[in-house]
Amino acid sequence: MSPETLRRPALLAEALAANEEYLPAMEAYRQALESDLPRSHNGRRRLALGLGEVAHKLGQIETAIAALQDASQADPTGRAHPTQPSEAYDAAGLS
């Protein structure tokens, strides 16, 4: 599969999220995460962050927390938006 074909679900997810079309964006992020695209740590981190942000905006806090934990595992240095997991925990009443 060409690199352009692999990137399409990720680009679609980001475009949908930017347009505040969160439900379709969440599905596109999930499809992108299941593809061969996130083999790199940066790719997985970017997609997981996107999924976490969209889930958080939809009030799906458990999904947001899981996605943000996935993003932090993909980037153990903490450079992947370090405040977002805490925001999701706050929304869930877990902080």
N, C-alpha and C. Protein backbone atom coordinates (compact mmCIF):
# COMPACT_ATOMS: atom_id res chain seq x y z
N MET A 1 0.84 -1.16 0.00
CA MET A 1 0.00 0.00 0.00
C MET A 1 0.90 1.24 0.00
N SER A 2 0.52 2.24 -0.76
CA SER A 2 1.34 3.45 -0.86
C SER A 2 1.24 4.27 0.42
N PRO A 3 2.27 5.07 0.72
CA PRO A 3 2.22 5.92 1.91
C PRO A 3 1.03 6.89 1.89
N GLU A 4 0.67 7.38 0.70
CA GLU A 4 -0.47 8.29 0.59
C GLU A 4 -1.76 7.59 1.00
N THR A 5 -1.92 6.35 0.60
CA THR A 5 -3.12 5.59 0.94
C THR A 5 -3.18 5.34 2.45
N LEU A 6 -2.03 5.07 3.04
CA LEU A 6 -1.98 4.84 4.49
C LEU A 6 -2.32 6.10 5.28
N ARG A 7 -1.94 7.25 4.77
CA ARG A 7 -2.17 8.51 5.50
C ARG A 7 -3.60 9.03 5.38
N ARG A 8 -4.38 8.56 4.42
CA ARG A 8 -5.72 9.10 4.19
C ARG A 8 -6.62 9.06 5.42
N PRO A 9 -6.73 7.92 6.14
CA PRO A 9 -7.61 7.92 7.31
C PRO A 9 -7.17 8.93 8.38
N ALA A 10 -5.88 9.10 8.56
CA ALA A 10 -5.38 10.06 9.55
C ALA A 10 -5.71 11.48 9.13
N LEU A 11 -5.50 11.80 7.88
CA LEU A 11 -5.81 13.14 7.40
C LEU A 11 -7.30 13.42 7.46
N LEU A 12 -8.09 12.42 7.12
CA LEU A 12 -9.55 12.56 7.20
C LEU A 12 -9.96 12.80 8.65
N ALA A 13 -9.42 12.03 9.58
CA ALA A 13 -9.75 12.19 10.99
C ALA A 13 -9.42 13.59 11.47
N GLU A 14 -8.26 14.08 11.11
CA GLU A 14 -7.86 15.42 11.54
C GLU A 14 -8.74 16.50 10.93
N ALA A 15 -9.11 16.32 9.66
CA ALA A 15 -9.99 17.30 9.00
C ALA A 15 -11.38 17.29 9.64
N LEU A 16 -11.91 16.11 9.92
CA LEU A 16 -13.22 16.02 10.57
C LEU A 16 -13.19 16.65 11.96
N ALA A 17 -12.14 16.40 12.71
CA ALA A 17 -12.02 16.98 14.05
C ALA A 17 -11.93 18.51 13.96
N ALA A 18 -11.17 19.01 12.99
CA ALA A 18 -11.04 20.46 12.83
C ALA A 18 -12.39 21.10 12.48
N ASN A 19 -13.24 20.35 11.80
CA ASN A 19 -14.58 20.84 11.46
C ASN A 19 -15.61 20.54 12.54
N GLU A 20 -15.14 20.05 13.68
CA GLU A 20 -15.99 19.71 14.82
C GLU A 20 -17.02 18.63 14.50
N GLU A 21 -16.66 17.74 13.59
CA GLU A 21 -17.47 16.56 13.27
C GLU A 21 -16.87 15.40 14.05
N TYR A 22 -17.16 15.38 15.34
CA TYR A 22 -16.43 14.53 16.26
C TYR A 22 -16.73 13.04 16.13
N LEU A 23 -17.99 12.67 15.92
CA LEU A 23 -18.29 11.23 15.79
C LEU A 23 -17.60 10.62 14.58
N PRO A 24 -17.73 11.22 13.38
CA PRO A 24 -16.99 10.64 12.25
C PRO A 24 -15.47 10.71 12.44
N ALA A 25 -15.00 11.76 13.13
CA ALA A 25 -13.56 11.87 13.38
C ALA A 25 -13.09 10.73 14.26
N MET A 26 -13.88 10.40 15.28
CA MET A 26 -13.49 9.32 16.18
C MET A 26 -13.38 8.00 15.41
N GLU A 27 -14.33 7.74 14.54
CA GLU A 27 -14.27 6.51 13.74
C GLU A 27 -13.05 6.52 12.82
N ALA A 28 -12.77 7.66 12.22
CA ALA A 28 -11.61 7.75 11.33
C ALA A 28 -10.31 7.56 12.11
N TYR A 29 -10.23 8.13 13.32
CA TYR A 29 -9.03 7.91 14.14
C TYR A 29 -8.88 6.43 14.48
N ARG A 30 -9.97 5.78 14.81
CA ARG A 30 -9.89 4.34 15.14
C ARG A 30 -9.41 3.53 13.94
N GLN A 31 -9.95 3.84 12.76
CA GLN A 31 -9.51 3.15 11.55
C GLN A 31 -8.02 3.39 11.29
N ALA A 32 -7.60 4.62 11.48
CA ALA A 32 -6.18 4.94 11.26
C ALA A 32 -5.29 4.20 12.25
N LEU A 33 -5.72 4.11 13.50
CA LEU A 33 -4.93 3.39 14.50
C LEU A 33 -4.86 1.89 14.21
N GLU A 34 -5.87 1.36 13.54
CA GLU A 34 -5.87 -0.07 13.20
C GLU A 34 -5.10 -0.36 11.92
N SER A 35 -4.72 0.68 11.18
CA SER A 35 -4.00 0.50 9.93
C SER A 35 -2.51 0.30 10.20
N ASP A 36 -1.74 0.22 9.14
CA ASP A 36 -0.29 0.09 9.26
C ASP A 36 0.40 1.43 9.51
N LEU A 37 -0.35 2.52 9.48
CA LEU A 37 0.23 3.85 9.63
C LEU A 37 0.94 4.06 10.96
N PRO A 38 0.34 3.69 12.10
CA PRO A 38 0.97 4.07 13.37
C PRO A 38 2.14 3.19 13.80
N ARG A 39 2.89 2.66 12.87
CA ARG A 39 4.02 1.82 13.26
C ARG A 39 5.12 2.62 13.94
N SER A 40 5.23 3.89 13.57
CA SER A 40 6.22 4.72 14.26
C SER A 40 5.60 5.25 15.55
N HIS A 41 6.47 5.58 16.51
CA HIS A 41 5.99 6.14 17.77
C HIS A 41 5.27 7.46 17.53
N ASN A 42 5.82 8.29 16.63
CA ASN A 42 5.20 9.58 16.37
C ASN A 42 3.83 9.43 15.74
N GLY A 43 3.69 8.49 14.81
CA GLY A 43 2.39 8.26 14.18
C GLY A 43 1.35 7.78 15.17
N ARG A 44 1.73 6.85 16.01
CA ARG A 44 0.80 6.33 17.01
C ARG A 44 0.43 7.42 18.01
N ARG A 45 1.42 8.18 18.46
CA ARG A 45 1.16 9.26 19.42
C ARG A 45 0.20 10.27 18.84
N ARG A 46 0.43 10.69 17.62
CA ARG A 46 -0.42 11.70 16.97
C ARG A 46 -1.86 11.22 16.85
N LEU A 47 -2.04 9.97 16.40
CA LEU A 47 -3.38 9.43 16.24
C LEU A 47 -4.08 9.23 17.59
N ALA A 48 -3.34 8.72 18.56
CA ALA A 48 -3.94 8.49 19.88
C ALA A 48 -4.32 9.81 20.54
N LEU A 49 -3.48 10.84 20.38
CA LEU A 49 -3.83 12.16 20.91
C LEU A 49 -5.10 12.68 20.26
N GLY A 50 -5.18 12.53 18.95
CA GLY A 50 -6.38 12.99 18.24
C GLY A 50 -7.62 12.27 18.73
N LEU A 51 -7.53 10.95 18.86
CA LEU A 51 -8.66 10.18 19.36
C LEU A 51 -9.02 10.62 20.77
N GLY A 52 -8.03 10.83 21.61
CA GLY A 52 -8.29 11.26 22.98
C GLY A 52 -8.97 12.61 23.04
N GLU A 53 -8.51 13.54 22.22
CA GLU A 53 -9.12 14.88 22.20
C GLU A 53 -10.58 14.82 21.75
N VAL A 54 -10.82 14.05 20.69
CA VAL A 54 -12.18 13.94 20.16
C VAL A 54 -13.10 13.25 21.17
N ALA A 55 -12.62 12.17 21.77
CA ALA A 55 -13.42 11.46 22.76
C ALA A 55 -13.73 12.37 23.94
N HIS A 56 -12.76 13.16 24.36
CA HIS A 56 -12.96 14.09 25.46
C HIS A 56 -14.04 15.11 25.11
N LYS A 57 -14.00 15.64 23.91
CA LYS A 57 -15.01 16.62 23.48
C LYS A 57 -16.40 16.00 23.41
N LEU A 58 -16.46 14.70 23.14
CA LEU A 58 -17.75 14.00 23.09
C LEU A 58 -18.21 13.54 24.47
N GLY A 59 -17.40 13.76 25.48
CA GLY A 59 -17.76 13.33 26.82
C GLY A 59 -17.53 11.85 27.06
N GLN A 60 -16.79 11.21 26.17
CA GLN A 60 -16.47 9.78 26.32
C GLN A 60 -15.13 9.69 27.06
N ILE A 61 -15.22 9.92 28.35
CA ILE A 61 -14.03 10.11 29.16
C ILE A 61 -13.17 8.86 29.26
N GLU A 62 -13.79 7.69 29.40
CA GLU A 62 -13.00 6.45 29.49
C GLU A 62 -12.20 6.23 28.21
N THR A 63 -12.82 6.48 27.07
CA THR A 63 -12.11 6.35 25.79
C THR A 63 -10.99 7.38 25.71
N ALA A 64 -11.27 8.60 26.17
CA ALA A 64 -10.26 9.65 26.14
C ALA A 64 -9.05 9.27 26.99
N ILE A 65 -9.32 8.78 28.18
CA ILE A 65 -8.23 8.39 29.08
C ILE A 65 -7.40 7.27 28.47
N ALA A 66 -8.07 6.26 27.93
CA ALA A 66 -7.34 5.13 27.32
C ALA A 66 -6.49 5.60 26.15
N ALA A 67 -7.05 6.47 25.31
CA ALA A 67 -6.30 6.97 24.15
C ALA A 67 -5.12 7.82 24.59
N LEU A 68 -5.32 8.66 25.59
CA LEU A 68 -4.23 9.52 26.05
C LEU A 68 -3.15 8.72 26.76
N GLN A 69 -3.54 7.63 27.43
CA GLN A 69 -2.53 6.74 28.01
C GLN A 69 -1.74 6.06 26.91
N ASP A 70 -2.42 5.68 25.83
CA ASP A 70 -1.74 5.09 24.68
C ASP A 70 -0.74 6.09 24.10
N ALA A 71 -1.16 7.34 23.98
CA ALA A 71 -0.27 8.37 23.45
C ALA A 71 0.94 8.56 24.34
N SER A 72 0.73 8.54 25.65
CA SER A 72 1.87 8.73 26.55
C SER A 72 2.81 7.53 26.53
N GLN A 73 2.29 6.34 26.28
CA GLN A 73 3.16 5.16 26.15
C GLN A 73 3.97 5.24 24.87
N ALA A 74 3.37 5.81 23.82
CA ALA A 74 4.09 5.96 22.57
C ALA A 74 5.16 7.04 22.68
N ASP A 75 5.01 7.96 23.64
CA ASP A 75 5.98 9.02 23.86
C ASP A 75 6.24 9.14 25.36
N PRO A 76 7.07 8.26 25.92
CA PRO A 76 7.31 8.28 27.35
C PRO A 76 8.04 9.53 27.85
N THR A 77 8.52 10.37 26.94
CA THR A 77 9.20 11.60 27.37
C THR A 77 8.21 12.64 27.89
N GLY A 78 6.91 12.45 27.61
CA GLY A 78 5.90 13.38 28.09
C GLY A 78 5.69 14.59 27.21
N ARG A 79 6.29 14.59 26.04
CA ARG A 79 6.14 15.74 25.15
C ARG A 79 4.77 15.76 24.47
N ALA A 80 3.98 14.72 24.63
CA ALA A 80 2.71 14.60 23.93
C ALA A 80 1.59 15.25 24.72
N HIS A 81 1.54 16.57 24.73
CA HIS A 81 0.49 17.32 25.43
C HIS A 81 0.33 16.83 26.87
N PRO A 82 1.25 17.14 27.72
CA PRO A 82 1.24 16.57 29.08
C PRO A 82 0.02 16.93 29.92
N THR A 83 -0.72 17.99 29.60
CA THR A 83 -1.86 18.35 30.44
C THR A 83 -3.14 17.62 30.06
N GLN A 84 -3.22 17.08 28.85
CA GLN A 84 -4.48 16.48 28.42
C GLN A 84 -4.92 15.29 29.24
N PRO A 85 -4.05 14.36 29.61
CA PRO A 85 -4.54 13.26 30.46
C PRO A 85 -5.14 13.77 31.76
N SER A 86 -4.53 14.79 32.35
CA SER A 86 -5.08 15.30 33.60
C SER A 86 -6.44 15.94 33.40
N GLU A 87 -6.66 16.59 32.25
CA GLU A 87 -7.97 17.17 31.96
C GLU A 87 -9.02 16.08 31.84
N ALA A 88 -8.67 14.97 31.22
CA ALA A 88 -9.61 13.86 31.08
C ALA A 88 -9.91 13.24 32.45
N TYR A 89 -8.88 13.09 33.28
CA TYR A 89 -9.11 12.56 34.63
C TYR A 89 -10.01 13.51 35.43
N ASP A 90 -9.77 14.83 35.29
CA ASP A 90 -10.62 15.80 35.98
C ASP A 90 -12.08 15.66 35.54
N ALA A 91 -12.30 15.51 34.25
CA ALA A 91 -13.66 15.38 33.72
C ALA A 91 -14.34 14.12 34.24
N ALA A 92 -13.53 13.10 34.49
CA ALA A 92 -14.10 11.84 35.00
C ALA A 92 -14.23 11.86 36.52
N GLY A 93 -13.75 12.93 37.16
CA GLY A 93 -13.80 13.00 38.61
C GLY A 93 -12.79 12.08 39.28
N LEU A 94 -11.70 11.79 38.58
CA LEU A 94 -10.71 10.85 39.11
C LEU A 94 -9.45 11.54 39.64
N SER A 95 -9.44 12.85 39.63
CA SER A 95 -8.22 13.52 40.12
C SER A 95 -8.37 13.98 41.54
